[in-house]
């Protein structure tokens, strides 16, 4: 029997601004180990890395929790490193 009272839809975090660079990230993803990437830098969907590391979109509530815990909004690891080296 299908449970129709529980919704699996979750709001996806679709925006974030790197305070240091001012760079705006569109949609962010993370894996089970905590790596964060934008669409440009995440593994190709369906690839072994994407599947085995369980990459998925960061939800709005996860992004808010991340910011409360870490003190900054989530940001793509690669974009952050590129900006830091520039």
Protein backbone atom coordinates (compact mmCIF):
# COMPACT_ATOMS: atom_id res chain seq x y z
CA UNK A 1 0.00 0.00 0.00
CA UNK A 2 1.35 3.42 -0.95
CA UNK A 3 1.67 6.05 1.75
CA UNK A 4 0.20 9.24 0.33
CA UNK A 5 0.53 11.35 3.49
CA UNK A 6 4.31 11.70 3.42
CA UNK A 7 5.88 14.02 0.90
CA UNK A 8 9.45 13.33 -0.21
CA UNK A 9 9.84 16.72 -1.87
CA UNK A 10 12.49 18.90 -0.27
CA UNK A 11 13.38 22.47 -1.05
CA UNK A 12 16.74 22.68 -2.81
CA UNK A 13 19.26 25.35 -1.89
CA UNK A 14 19.49 27.33 -5.10
CA UNK A 15 21.53 30.27 -4.10
CA UNK A 16 24.48 31.32 -2.09
CA UNK A 17 26.99 34.11 -2.13
CA UNK A 18 30.62 33.71 -1.26
CA UNK A 19 31.15 36.65 1.07
CA UNK A 20 34.85 36.98 0.25
CA UNK A 21 34.52 37.05 -3.53
CA UNK A 22 30.89 38.02 -3.98
CA UNK A 23 30.52 35.08 -6.39
CA UNK A 24 26.95 33.80 -6.57
CA UNK A 25 26.51 30.03 -6.75
CA UNK A 26 23.45 28.67 -8.44
CA UNK A 27 22.66 25.16 -7.25
CA UNK A 28 25.05 23.38 -4.91
CA UNK A 29 25.55 19.66 -4.37
CA UNK A 30 27.41 17.66 -1.77
CA UNK A 31 28.52 14.10 -1.26
CA UNK A 32 28.38 11.80 1.74
CA UNK A 33 31.84 12.96 2.87
CA UNK A 34 30.91 16.65 2.87
CA UNK A 35 32.56 17.85 -0.36
CA UNK A 36 30.55 20.72 -1.90
CA UNK A 37 30.41 21.54 -5.61
CA UNK A 38 28.42 23.69 -8.01
CA UNK A 39 26.96 22.21 -11.19
CA UNK A 40 30.11 23.17 -13.08
CA UNK A 41 32.47 21.33 -10.72
CA UNK A 42 30.44 18.36 -9.50
CA UNK A 43 31.06 14.87 -10.92
CA UNK A 44 29.10 14.01 -14.05
CA UNK A 45 25.64 12.68 -13.03
CA UNK A 46 25.54 8.91 -13.42
CA UNK A 47 29.33 8.53 -13.21
CA UNK A 48 30.84 6.11 -10.70
CA UNK A 49 32.05 9.00 -8.53
CA UNK A 50 28.62 10.66 -8.56
CA UNK A 51 26.81 7.44 -7.68
CA UNK A 52 29.26 5.86 -5.21
CA UNK A 53 29.87 9.09 -3.29
CA UNK A 54 26.11 9.76 -3.19
CA UNK A 55 26.15 13.29 -4.65
CA UNK A 56 22.87 15.13 -4.15
CA UNK A 57 21.52 18.70 -4.05
CA UNK A 58 21.88 20.60 -0.79
CA UNK A 59 18.43 21.38 0.59
CA UNK A 60 17.55 24.78 1.96
CA UNK A 61 17.35 23.45 5.51
CA UNK A 62 20.75 21.74 5.14
CA UNK A 63 22.27 24.99 3.83
CA UNK A 64 20.82 26.92 6.77
CA UNK A 65 22.14 24.31 9.21
CA UNK A 66 25.55 24.41 7.55
CA UNK A 67 25.70 28.21 7.92
CA UNK A 68 24.68 28.02 11.61
CA UNK A 69 27.31 25.37 12.33
CA UNK A 70 30.21 26.63 10.18
CA UNK A 71 29.50 30.37 10.23
CA UNK A 72 29.34 30.86 6.46
CA UNK A 73 27.00 29.70 3.70
CA UNK A 74 27.98 26.58 1.76
CA UNK A 75 30.18 27.29 -1.26
CA UNK A 76 31.71 25.20 -4.03
CA UNK A 77 35.11 23.90 -2.87
CA UNK A 78 36.66 24.32 -6.33
CA UNK A 79 35.31 27.85 -6.91
CA UNK A 80 36.57 28.85 -3.46
CA UNK A 81 40.05 27.46 -4.18
CA UNK A 82 40.21 29.21 -7.56
CA UNK A 83 39.22 32.54 -5.99
CA UNK A 84 41.77 32.07 -3.20
CA UNK A 85 44.59 31.46 -5.70
CA UNK A 86 43.67 34.44 -7.91
